[in-house]
Each structure stands twice: as structure tokens, then as C-alpha cells.
Amino acid sequence: YVLAIAILSAFYTGLQTWRQVYELSTAREILSRHKTAMIDFFGDQIVAYLLISAASSAVPLTNRMREGADNIFTDSSASAISMEFFAFFSLSLSSLISVYKLSNQTYI
């Protein structure tokens, strides 16, 4: 689960980065500002919650495995968990920025 969510979040972040670079380099928008703001907001929210869910579900299992034996697998698992927490905090900051951008949209 941790690996699947890490791959999904990397894919989402890669697509967002590609879109931003494309729009900056060509000075053209792929989608309208309203649609982009909505996609950014909901995408950031969904991926952030998936990341925190994956990290929090892996913590008890890793702790239980470390009681029996502390090996390279448990160390790798602990590293993956810490990186998912870091990615969650990064995406939650991005989500706050998305909320700000979405709240400044005019709907009329």
C-alpha cells in the first residue's frame, strides 16, 4: 500500500510539474484557470489524504516487525514512512495554496 501510494503521488506530482512547465514555457493554458484551480485543489487533497493514510497504516506493522528483528527491511520501511509523512506535509502546504487560489476565483 505504501509503495502504491508513493507511485501514485509521484505520478500526480510529475503531471502537475509538467503542466506548470508547459504553461510557463508556452505562455498558454491547457485548461481554464477555474478548472485548473479545482483540479489542483481536489488532487492535492486526495493525494495528501492517501499519503497520510498509507503512512499511518504502515507504522504499527513496522513497529511490530522491529520488535522481532531490526533488519534492512524494517529500516527501509521506516524510511518510506518518514518520506510519506514529509510528502504529506508538502502536499498539505500545496493544498493550502490551492485553497487560496480557488477562493480568489471569480465565478460570474
Protein backbone atom coordinates (compact mmCIF):
# COMPACT_ATOMS: atom_id res chain seq x y z
CA TYR A 1 0.00 0.00 0.00
CA VAL A 2 2.83 2.38 0.89
CA LEU A 3 4.59 1.72 -2.41
CA ALA A 4 1.40 2.05 -4.48
CA ILE A 5 0.52 5.40 -2.92
CA ALA A 6 4.12 6.63 -3.32
CA ILE A 7 3.99 5.77 -7.02
CA LEU A 8 0.57 7.43 -7.40
CA SER A 9 1.70 10.60 -5.66
CA ALA A 10 4.90 10.75 -7.72
CA PHE A 11 2.81 10.38 -10.89
CA TYR A 12 0.39 13.12 -9.80
CA THR A 13 3.21 15.46 -8.84
CA GLY A 14 5.02 14.75 -12.11
CA LEU A 15 1.90 15.59 -14.12
CA GLN A 16 1.39 18.80 -12.18
CA THR A 17 5.02 19.78 -12.71
CA TRP A 18 4.80 19.01 -16.43
CA ARG A 19 1.64 21.12 -16.73
CA GLN A 20 3.24 24.06 -14.92
CA VAL A 21 6.43 23.91 -17.01
CA TYR A 22 4.41 23.63 -20.23
CA GLU A 23 2.23 26.60 -19.33
CA LEU A 24 5.22 28.71 -18.31
CA SER A 25 7.25 27.86 -21.41
CA THR A 26 4.46 28.33 -23.97
CA ALA A 27 2.51 31.07 -22.16
CA ARG A 28 -0.69 29.13 -22.95
CA GLU A 29 -3.06 27.46 -20.53
CA ILE A 30 -4.04 23.83 -21.08
CA LEU A 31 -7.29 24.24 -19.14
CA SER A 32 -9.14 27.28 -17.87
CA ARG A 33 -8.00 28.84 -14.61
CA HIS A 34 -11.14 27.70 -12.82
CA LYS A 35 -10.72 24.07 -13.91
CA THR A 36 -7.03 24.12 -13.08
CA ALA A 37 -7.74 25.51 -9.61
CA MET A 38 -10.35 22.81 -9.00
CA ILE A 39 -8.05 20.02 -10.22
CA ASP A 40 -5.19 21.36 -8.09
CA PHE A 41 -7.37 21.59 -5.00
CA PHE A 42 -9.04 18.20 -5.25
CA GLY A 43 -5.91 16.44 -6.49
CA ASP A 44 -3.80 17.82 -3.65
CA GLN A 45 -6.45 16.88 -1.10
CA ILE A 46 -6.90 13.33 -2.36
CA VAL A 47 -3.21 12.56 -2.71
CA ALA A 48 -2.38 14.13 0.68
CA TYR A 49 -5.01 12.01 2.43
CA LEU A 50 -3.83 8.89 0.63
CA LEU A 51 -0.26 9.61 1.73
CA ILE A 52 -1.17 10.08 5.39
CA SER A 53 -3.37 7.00 5.26
CA ALA A 54 -0.59 4.84 3.82
CA ALA A 55 1.98 6.14 6.28
CA SER A 56 -0.26 5.73 9.31
CA SER A 57 -1.28 2.21 8.31
CA ALA A 58 2.35 1.12 7.91
CA VAL A 59 3.58 2.45 11.28
CA PRO A 60 2.08 -0.27 13.54
CA LEU A 61 3.25 -3.08 11.28
CA THR A 62 6.77 -1.68 11.09
CA ASN A 63 6.91 -1.24 14.87
CA ARG A 64 5.72 -4.80 15.38
CA MET A 65 8.32 -6.11 12.94
CA ARG A 66 11.07 -4.13 14.67
CA GLU A 67 10.28 -5.83 17.97
CA GLY A 68 11.19 -9.20 16.45
CA ALA A 69 14.15 -8.23 14.33
CA ASP A 70 15.68 -4.96 13.22
CA ASN A 71 16.90 -5.53 9.68
CA ILE A 72 17.26 -3.68 6.40
CA PHE A 73 13.59 -4.23 5.50
CA THR A 74 12.34 -2.53 8.66
CA ASP A 75 14.83 0.29 8.15
CA SER A 76 13.59 0.73 4.56
CA SER A 77 10.01 0.67 5.75
CA ALA A 78 10.72 3.32 8.39
CA SER A 79 12.41 5.47 5.73
CA ALA A 80 9.43 5.11 3.39
CA ILE A 81 7.06 6.07 6.20
CA SER A 82 9.06 9.17 7.07
CA MET A 83 9.20 10.21 3.41
CA GLU A 84 5.43 9.77 3.10
CA PHE A 85 4.91 12.00 6.13
CA PHE A 86 7.21 14.58 4.54
CA ALA A 87 5.31 14.31 1.23
CA PHE A 88 2.03 14.70 3.12
CA PHE A 89 3.21 17.93 4.75
CA SER A 90 4.43 19.23 1.40
CA LEU A 91 1.14 18.44 -0.31
CA SER A 92 -0.85 19.89 2.56
CA LEU A 93 1.04 23.15 2.07
CA SER A 94 0.30 22.92 -1.65
CA SER A 95 -3.34 22.30 -0.77
CA LEU A 96 -3.43 25.49 1.30
CA ILE A 97 -2.07 27.41 -1.67
CA SER A 98 -4.72 25.75 -3.88
CA VAL A 99 -7.45 26.81 -1.45
CA TYR A 100 -6.20 30.38 -1.60
CA LYS A 101 -6.12 30.34 -5.41
CA LEU A 102 -9.57 28.76 -5.56
CA SER A 103 -11.05 31.28 -3.14
CA ASN A 104 -9.81 34.17 -5.27
CA GLN A 105 -11.56 32.89 -8.41
CA THR A 106 -14.48 34.87 -9.78
CA TYR A 107 -17.46 32.73 -10.66
CA ILE A 108 -19.53 35.29 -12.50
